[in-house]
Amino acid sequence: MKQIDHCKKCLNREISRTEGILCGLTHQKPNFGDSCPDYKADVAQIKRLERFEKSVNKSEVAKHDGFKYLSIGIPAFVIGIIISVMYDSIVPKSVFHLFSIIGLILGFLFIVFGVLKLYQAYGDFEDDNTDLDEIDLL
């Protein structure tokens, strides 16, 4: 872990507009080795950073969106099929037929978008992921 990663999660951190994150005890940039002897974990900040990492993780966002699209698309498509089967045709003869066609089309589109999002989520994000160490979270 880099020094700055320790400091981002420490209660003793201090933020300077010109210098960035400083040690609140020495008022200087971190200059310790692998670990700081004065480190005190800021539990609230650690939770905020974890939430932020999860929100910027493209794979997690794509999974969430994919399941959201599928949870809308599959029921809409099934309802469209049920309504069209109840009236024995897809050719509109009444308002219910129009609902079945709309349900089929929207359901199909949502299913396609959901599958694409899930494919994106489980695909290769190695090249697109932003390294969180490079983002100044504070």
N, C-alpha and C. Protein backbone atom coordinates (compact mmCIF):
# COMPACT_ATOMS: atom_id res chain seq x y z
N MET A 1 0.85 -1.18 0.00
CA MET A 1 0.00 0.00 0.00
C MET A 1 0.89 1.24 0.00
N LYS A 2 0.52 2.21 -0.79
CA LYS A 2 1.28 3.46 -0.84
C LYS A 2 1.06 4.26 0.43
N GLN A 3 1.96 5.18 0.67
CA GLN A 3 1.84 6.03 1.86
C GLN A 3 0.55 6.83 1.84
N ILE A 4 0.22 7.36 0.68
CA ILE A 4 -0.97 8.21 0.58
C ILE A 4 -2.24 7.41 0.87
N ASP A 5 -2.23 6.10 0.56
CA ASP A 5 -3.39 5.27 0.85
C ASP A 5 -3.60 5.15 2.36
N HIS A 6 -2.50 5.06 3.11
CA HIS A 6 -2.62 5.06 4.57
C HIS A 6 -3.23 6.38 5.04
N CYS A 7 -2.72 7.46 4.50
CA CYS A 7 -3.13 8.79 4.97
C CYS A 7 -4.59 9.09 4.63
N LYS A 8 -5.08 8.61 3.50
CA LYS A 8 -6.47 8.84 3.12
C LYS A 8 -7.43 8.23 4.12
N LYS A 9 -7.00 7.18 4.81
CA LYS A 9 -7.87 6.45 5.72
C LYS A 9 -7.52 6.71 7.19
N CYS A 10 -6.71 7.72 7.45
CA CYS A 10 -6.23 7.98 8.80
C CYS A 10 -6.97 9.17 9.43
N LEU A 11 -7.22 9.08 10.71
CA LEU A 11 -7.85 10.19 11.44
C LEU A 11 -6.92 11.40 11.54
N ASN A 12 -5.63 11.17 11.45
CA ASN A 12 -4.65 12.26 11.60
C ASN A 12 -4.39 13.02 10.30
N ARG A 13 -5.14 12.72 9.25
CA ARG A 13 -4.87 13.38 7.96
C ARG A 13 -5.28 14.85 8.02
N GLU A 14 -4.63 15.60 7.18
CA GLU A 14 -4.93 17.03 7.04
C GLU A 14 -4.92 17.32 5.54
N ILE A 15 -5.79 18.18 5.10
CA ILE A 15 -5.87 18.47 3.67
C ILE A 15 -5.46 19.90 3.42
N SER A 16 -4.51 20.05 2.51
CA SER A 16 -4.03 21.37 2.12
C SER A 16 -4.41 21.61 0.67
N ARG A 17 -4.87 22.79 0.37
CA ARG A 17 -5.24 23.10 -1.03
C ARG A 17 -4.03 23.09 -1.95
N THR A 18 -2.89 23.42 -1.44
CA THR A 18 -1.70 23.48 -2.29
C THR A 18 -0.90 22.19 -2.27
N GLU A 19 -0.86 21.50 -1.12
CA GLU A 19 -0.03 20.31 -0.97
C GLU A 19 -0.79 19.01 -1.15
N GLY A 20 -2.11 19.02 -0.93
CA GLY A 20 -2.88 17.79 -0.98
C GLY A 20 -3.03 17.22 0.42
N ILE A 21 -2.92 15.91 0.54
CA ILE A 21 -3.07 15.26 1.85
C ILE A 21 -1.75 15.32 2.61
N LEU A 22 -1.82 15.82 3.83
CA LEU A 22 -0.65 15.93 4.70
C LEU A 22 -0.93 15.17 5.99
N CYS A 23 0.14 14.88 6.72
CA CYS A 23 0.01 14.30 8.05
C CYS A 23 -0.42 15.42 9.00
N GLY A 24 -1.47 15.18 9.76
CA GLY A 24 -1.96 16.18 10.70
C GLY A 24 -1.03 16.38 11.88
N LEU A 25 -0.11 15.43 12.11
CA LEU A 25 0.82 15.54 13.23
C LEU A 25 2.06 16.33 12.85
N THR A 26 2.60 16.07 11.65
CA THR A 26 3.84 16.75 11.22
C THR A 26 3.56 17.90 10.26
N HIS A 27 2.36 17.98 9.72
CA HIS A 27 1.97 19.00 8.72
C HIS A 27 2.87 18.94 7.49
N GLN A 28 3.30 17.73 7.13
CA GLN A 28 4.14 17.51 5.96
C GLN A 28 3.60 16.32 5.18
N LYS A 29 4.13 16.16 3.96
CA LYS A 29 3.79 14.99 3.16
C LYS A 29 4.26 13.74 3.92
N PRO A 30 3.59 12.61 3.72
CA PRO A 30 4.00 11.39 4.43
C PRO A 30 5.42 10.99 4.04
N ASN A 31 6.20 10.60 5.05
CA ASN A 31 7.59 10.20 4.78
C ASN A 31 7.97 8.95 5.56
N PHE A 32 6.98 8.10 5.87
CA PHE A 32 7.26 6.86 6.58
C PHE A 32 7.53 5.75 5.58
N GLY A 33 7.97 4.60 6.09
CA GLY A 33 8.27 3.45 5.22
C GLY A 33 7.02 2.73 4.79
N ASP A 34 6.89 1.47 5.22
CA ASP A 34 5.73 0.66 4.82
C ASP A 34 4.48 0.97 5.64
N SER A 35 4.66 1.33 6.90
CA SER A 35 3.50 1.63 7.73
C SER A 35 3.83 2.77 8.68
N CYS A 36 2.80 3.51 9.05
CA CYS A 36 2.97 4.67 9.92
C CYS A 36 2.73 4.25 11.37
N PRO A 37 3.61 4.62 12.27
CA PRO A 37 3.42 4.24 13.68
C PRO A 37 2.26 5.01 14.33
N ASP A 38 1.87 6.14 13.77
CA ASP A 38 0.80 6.96 14.36
C ASP A 38 -0.54 6.79 13.65
N TYR A 39 -0.67 5.75 12.81
CA TYR A 39 -1.89 5.54 12.03
C TYR A 39 -3.06 5.21 12.94
N LYS A 40 -4.17 5.92 12.72
CA LYS A 40 -5.44 5.65 13.40
C LYS A 40 -6.51 5.54 12.32
N ALA A 41 -7.13 4.40 12.23
CA ALA A 41 -8.12 4.16 11.17
C ALA A 41 -9.35 5.03 11.37
N ASP A 42 -9.77 5.69 10.28
CA ASP A 42 -11.01 6.47 10.25
C ASP A 42 -12.06 5.58 9.61
N VAL A 43 -12.85 4.91 10.42
CA VAL A 43 -13.81 3.91 9.94
C VAL A 43 -14.82 4.53 8.98
N ALA A 44 -15.30 5.72 9.28
CA ALA A 44 -16.28 6.37 8.40
C ALA A 44 -15.68 6.67 7.04
N GLN A 45 -14.44 7.13 7.01
CA GLN A 45 -13.76 7.43 5.75
C GLN A 45 -13.49 6.15 4.96
N ILE A 46 -13.14 5.09 5.65
CA ILE A 46 -12.90 3.81 4.97
C ILE A 46 -14.18 3.33 4.30
N LYS A 47 -15.32 3.47 4.98
CA LYS A 47 -16.60 3.08 4.38
C LYS A 47 -16.95 3.96 3.19
N ARG A 48 -16.68 5.27 3.29
CA ARG A 48 -16.93 6.18 2.16
C ARG A 48 -16.09 5.79 0.95
N LEU A 49 -14.82 5.47 1.19
CA LEU A 49 -13.94 5.08 0.09
C LEU A 49 -14.39 3.77 -0.54
N GLU A 50 -14.86 2.83 0.27
CA GLU A 50 -15.36 1.56 -0.28
C GLU A 50 -16.60 1.79 -1.13
N ARG A 51 -17.52 2.66 -0.66
CA ARG A 51 -18.71 2.98 -1.46
C ARG A 51 -18.31 3.65 -2.77
N PHE A 52 -17.32 4.55 -2.70
CA PHE A 52 -16.87 5.23 -3.91
C PHE A 52 -16.26 4.25 -4.89
N GLU A 53 -15.42 3.35 -4.40
CA GLU A 53 -14.79 2.36 -5.27
C GLU A 53 -15.85 1.49 -5.94
N LYS A 54 -16.88 1.14 -5.19
CA LYS A 54 -17.94 0.32 -5.76
C LYS A 54 -18.72 1.09 -6.82
N SER A 55 -18.94 2.39 -6.58
CA SER A 55 -19.72 3.17 -7.53
C SER A 55 -18.95 3.46 -8.82
N VAL A 56 -17.63 3.53 -8.76
CA VAL A 56 -16.86 3.79 -9.97
C VAL A 56 -16.42 2.52 -10.66
N ASN A 57 -16.68 1.39 -10.06
CA ASN A 57 -16.33 0.13 -10.67
C ASN A 57 -17.31 -0.14 -11.81
N LYS A 58 -16.84 -0.02 -13.03
CA LYS A 58 -17.71 -0.13 -14.20
C LYS A 58 -18.38 -1.49 -14.28
N SER A 59 -17.70 -2.51 -13.88
CA SER A 59 -18.27 -3.84 -13.94
C SER A 59 -19.47 -3.97 -13.01
N GLU A 60 -19.37 -3.46 -11.80
CA GLU A 60 -20.48 -3.54 -10.85
C GLU A 60 -21.67 -2.71 -11.34
N VAL A 61 -21.40 -1.54 -11.88
CA VAL A 61 -22.48 -0.69 -12.39
C VAL A 61 -23.17 -1.37 -13.57
N ALA A 62 -22.39 -1.98 -14.47
CA ALA A 62 -22.97 -2.65 -15.62
C ALA A 62 -23.80 -3.85 -15.19
N LYS A 63 -23.34 -4.60 -14.18
CA LYS A 63 -24.13 -5.74 -13.67
C LYS A 63 -25.46 -5.24 -13.12
N HIS A 64 -25.40 -4.20 -12.32
CA HIS A 64 -26.62 -3.65 -11.72
C HIS A 64 -27.59 -3.21 -12.81
N ASP A 65 -27.09 -2.48 -13.80
CA ASP A 65 -27.94 -2.01 -14.90
C ASP A 65 -28.50 -3.18 -15.70
N GLY A 66 -27.67 -4.18 -15.95
CA GLY A 66 -28.12 -5.34 -16.72
C GLY A 66 -29.26 -6.07 -16.05
N PHE A 67 -29.13 -6.31 -14.75
CA PHE A 67 -30.20 -6.99 -14.03
C PHE A 67 -31.45 -6.12 -13.94
N LYS A 68 -31.26 -4.81 -13.86
CA LYS A 68 -32.40 -3.90 -13.82
C LYS A 68 -33.18 -3.97 -15.15
N TYR A 69 -32.45 -3.93 -16.27
CA TYR A 69 -33.11 -4.03 -17.58
C TYR A 69 -33.82 -5.37 -17.73
N LEU A 70 -33.17 -6.44 -17.31
CA LEU A 70 -33.79 -7.76 -17.44
C LEU A 70 -35.02 -7.89 -16.54
N SER A 71 -34.97 -7.30 -15.36
CA SER A 71 -36.12 -7.41 -14.46
C SER A 71 -37.33 -6.63 -14.98
N ILE A 72 -37.10 -5.70 -15.87
CA ILE A 72 -38.22 -4.99 -16.51
C ILE A 72 -38.60 -5.69 -17.81
N GLY A 73 -37.61 -6.10 -18.58
CA GLY A 73 -37.85 -6.64 -19.91
C GLY A 73 -38.54 -7.99 -19.92
N ILE A 74 -38.11 -8.90 -19.06
CA ILE A 74 -38.69 -10.24 -19.06
C ILE A 74 -40.18 -10.22 -18.69
N PRO A 75 -40.56 -9.54 -17.60
CA PRO A 75 -42.01 -9.50 -17.31
C PRO A 75 -42.82 -8.80 -18.41
N ALA A 76 -42.30 -7.72 -18.97
CA ALA A 76 -43.03 -7.02 -20.03
C ALA A 76 -43.22 -7.93 -21.24
N PHE A 77 -42.17 -8.67 -21.60
CA PHE A 77 -42.24 -9.58 -22.74
C PHE A 77 -43.24 -10.71 -22.47
N VAL A 78 -43.17 -11.28 -21.27
CA VAL A 78 -44.08 -12.37 -20.90
C VAL A 78 -45.52 -11.88 -20.88
N ILE A 79 -45.77 -10.71 -20.32
CA ILE A 79 -47.13 -10.15 -20.30
C ILE A 79 -47.62 -9.91 -21.73
N GLY A 80 -46.74 -9.42 -22.60
CA GLY A 80 -47.12 -9.23 -24.00
C GLY A 80 -47.49 -10.53 -24.67
N ILE A 81 -46.74 -11.59 -24.37
CA ILE A 81 -47.07 -12.91 -24.94
C ILE A 81 -48.41 -13.41 -24.40
N ILE A 82 -48.60 -13.28 -23.11
CA ILE A 82 -49.85 -13.76 -22.50
C ILE A 82 -51.05 -13.04 -23.09
N ILE A 83 -50.97 -11.73 -23.22
CA ILE A 83 -52.10 -10.97 -23.78
C ILE A 83 -52.35 -11.36 -25.23
N SER A 84 -51.26 -11.53 -26.01
CA SER A 84 -51.46 -11.89 -27.42
C SER A 84 -52.01 -13.30 -27.56
N VAL A 85 -51.63 -14.22 -26.68
CA VAL A 85 -52.17 -15.59 -26.72
C VAL A 85 -53.64 -15.59 -26.30
N MET A 86 -53.97 -14.76 -25.32
CA MET A 86 -55.37 -14.69 -24.88
C MET A 86 -56.29 -14.24 -26.00
N TYR A 87 -55.80 -13.41 -26.89
CA TYR A 87 -56.64 -12.90 -27.98
C TYR A 87 -56.32 -13.56 -29.31
N ASP A 88 -55.52 -14.62 -29.30
CA ASP A 88 -55.24 -15.50 -30.45
C ASP A 88 -54.62 -14.83 -31.67
N SER A 89 -54.07 -13.67 -31.54
CA SER A 89 -53.36 -13.08 -32.68
C SER A 89 -52.52 -11.91 -32.21
N ILE A 90 -51.60 -11.51 -33.08
CA ILE A 90 -50.78 -10.35 -32.79
C ILE A 90 -51.30 -9.14 -33.56
N VAL A 91 -52.18 -9.36 -34.51
CA VAL A 91 -52.77 -8.26 -35.27
C VAL A 91 -53.72 -7.50 -34.35
N PRO A 92 -53.51 -6.17 -34.21
CA PRO A 92 -54.32 -5.41 -33.26
C PRO A 92 -55.80 -5.38 -33.65
N LYS A 93 -56.64 -5.82 -32.72
CA LYS A 93 -58.08 -5.73 -32.91
C LYS A 93 -58.71 -4.89 -31.81
N SER A 94 -57.96 -4.69 -30.74
CA SER A 94 -58.47 -3.88 -29.64
C SER A 94 -57.29 -3.22 -28.93
N VAL A 95 -57.60 -2.49 -27.89
CA VAL A 95 -56.57 -1.81 -27.11
C VAL A 95 -55.64 -2.82 -26.45
N PHE A 96 -56.17 -3.95 -26.04
CA PHE A 96 -55.35 -4.96 -25.39
C PHE A 96 -54.30 -5.53 -26.34
N HIS A 97 -54.67 -5.64 -27.61
CA HIS A 97 -53.68 -6.09 -28.59
C HIS A 97 -52.56 -5.07 -28.73
N LEU A 98 -52.93 -3.82 -28.69
CA LEU A 98 -51.91 -2.77 -28.76
C LEU A 98 -50.97 -2.88 -27.56
N PHE A 99 -51.51 -3.15 -26.37
CA PHE A 99 -50.67 -3.34 -25.18
C PHE A 99 -49.76 -4.55 -25.34
N SER A 100 -50.27 -5.61 -25.95
CA SER A 100 -49.44 -6.80 -26.13
C SER A 100 -48.28 -6.52 -27.07
N ILE A 101 -48.54 -5.77 -28.13
CA ILE A 101 -47.46 -5.44 -29.07
C ILE A 101 -46.45 -4.52 -28.40
N ILE A 102 -46.91 -3.53 -27.66
CA ILE A 102 -46.00 -2.64 -26.95
C ILE A 102 -45.19 -3.42 -25.93
N GLY A 103 -45.85 -4.33 -25.20
CA GLY A 103 -45.15 -5.15 -24.22
C GLY A 103 -44.09 -6.03 -24.86
N LEU A 104 -44.42 -6.62 -25.99
CA LEU A 104 -43.46 -7.47 -26.69
C LEU A 104 -42.25 -6.67 -27.17
N ILE A 105 -42.52 -5.53 -27.77
CA ILE A 105 -41.42 -4.72 -28.31
C ILE A 105 -40.55 -4.16 -27.19
N LEU A 106 -41.18 -3.53 -26.19
CA LEU A 106 -40.40 -2.96 -25.09
C LEU A 106 -39.68 -4.05 -24.29
N GLY A 107 -40.39 -5.15 -24.05
CA GLY A 107 -39.76 -6.26 -23.34
C GLY A 107 -38.55 -6.78 -24.07
N PHE A 108 -38.68 -6.96 -25.38
CA PHE A 108 -37.55 -7.44 -26.18
C PHE A 108 -36.39 -6.45 -26.12
N LEU A 109 -36.68 -5.16 -26.26
CA LEU A 109 -35.60 -4.16 -26.21
C LEU A 109 -34.90 -4.15 -24.85
N PHE A 110 -35.68 -4.20 -23.77
CA PHE A 110 -35.09 -4.22 -22.44
C PHE A 110 -34.25 -5.49 -22.23
N ILE A 111 -34.72 -6.62 -22.74
CA ILE A 111 -33.94 -7.85 -22.62
C ILE A 111 -32.62 -7.72 -23.38
N VAL A 112 -32.67 -7.17 -24.58
CA VAL A 112 -31.44 -6.98 -25.35
C VAL A 112 -30.47 -6.05 -24.62
N PHE A 113 -30.98 -4.91 -24.11
CA PHE A 113 -30.11 -3.99 -23.37
C PHE A 113 -29.54 -4.66 -22.12
N GLY A 114 -30.36 -5.44 -21.42
CA GLY A 114 -29.90 -6.13 -20.22
C GLY A 114 -28.80 -7.13 -20.53
N VAL A 115 -28.99 -7.89 -21.60
CA VAL A 115 -27.97 -8.87 -21.98
C VAL A 115 -26.69 -8.15 -22.40
N LEU A 116 -26.80 -7.05 -23.13
CA LEU A 116 -25.61 -6.30 -23.52
C LEU A 116 -24.87 -5.75 -22.31
N LYS A 117 -25.62 -5.23 -21.34
CA LYS A 117 -24.99 -4.70 -20.12
C LYS A 117 -24.29 -5.82 -19.35
N LEU A 118 -24.93 -6.98 -19.24
CA LEU A 118 -24.30 -8.09 -18.53
C LEU A 118 -23.08 -8.60 -19.29
N TYR A 119 -23.16 -8.61 -20.61
CA TYR A 119 -21.99 -8.98 -21.40
C TYR A 119 -20.85 -8.00 -21.16
N GLN A 120 -21.21 -6.72 -21.09
CA GLN A 120 -20.22 -5.68 -20.80
C GLN A 120 -19.64 -5.88 -19.39
N ALA A 121 -20.48 -6.26 -18.43
CA ALA A 121 -20.03 -6.43 -17.05
C ALA A 121 -19.08 -7.61 -16.91
N TYR A 122 -19.39 -8.68 -17.60
CA TYR A 122 -18.56 -9.87 -17.46
C TYR A 122 -17.49 -9.95 -18.54
N GLY A 123 -17.44 -8.93 -19.40
CA GLY A 123 -16.42 -8.87 -20.43
C GLY A 123 -15.10 -8.40 -19.87
N ASP A 124 -14.21 -7.99 -20.73
CA ASP A 124 -12.86 -7.59 -20.33
C ASP A 124 -12.81 -6.11 -20.06
N PHE A 125 -12.65 -5.73 -18.79
CA PHE A 125 -12.51 -4.33 -18.41
C PHE A 125 -11.08 -4.00 -18.05
N GLU A 126 -10.15 -4.87 -18.33
CA GLU A 126 -8.76 -4.65 -17.93
C GLU A 126 -8.23 -3.34 -18.49
N ASP A 127 -8.57 -3.02 -19.72
CA ASP A 127 -8.03 -1.82 -20.36
C ASP A 127 -8.76 -0.56 -19.93
N ASP A 128 -10.07 -0.68 -19.57
CA ASP A 128 -10.87 0.50 -19.26
C ASP A 128 -10.83 0.93 -17.81
N ASN A 129 -10.49 0.04 -16.89
CA ASN A 129 -10.57 0.37 -15.47
C ASN A 129 -9.61 1.49 -15.12
N THR A 130 -10.13 2.47 -14.43
CA THR A 130 -9.31 3.55 -13.92
C THR A 130 -8.71 3.08 -12.61
N ASP A 131 -7.40 3.22 -12.47
CA ASP A 131 -6.75 2.81 -11.24
C ASP A 131 -7.14 3.81 -10.15
N LEU A 132 -7.74 3.31 -9.09
CA LEU A 132 -8.23 4.18 -8.03
C LEU A 132 -7.11 4.90 -7.30
N ASP A 133 -5.88 4.38 -7.41
CA ASP A 133 -4.76 5.07 -6.78
C ASP A 133 -4.49 6.41 -7.43
N GLU A 134 -4.89 6.54 -8.68
CA GLU A 134 -4.63 7.78 -9.43
C GLU A 134 -5.69 8.84 -9.18
N ILE A 135 -6.81 8.47 -8.59
CA ILE A 135 -7.90 9.41 -8.36
C ILE A 135 -7.74 10.00 -6.97
N ASP A 136 -7.78 11.31 -6.89
CA ASP A 136 -7.71 11.96 -5.58
C ASP A 136 -9.12 12.00 -5.04
N LEU A 137 -9.38 11.18 -4.03
CA LEU A 137 -10.73 11.03 -3.51
C LEU A 137 -11.14 12.13 -2.55
N LEU A 138 -10.20 12.92 -2.08
CA LEU A 138 -10.55 13.94 -1.09
C LEU A 138 -10.49 15.32 -1.66
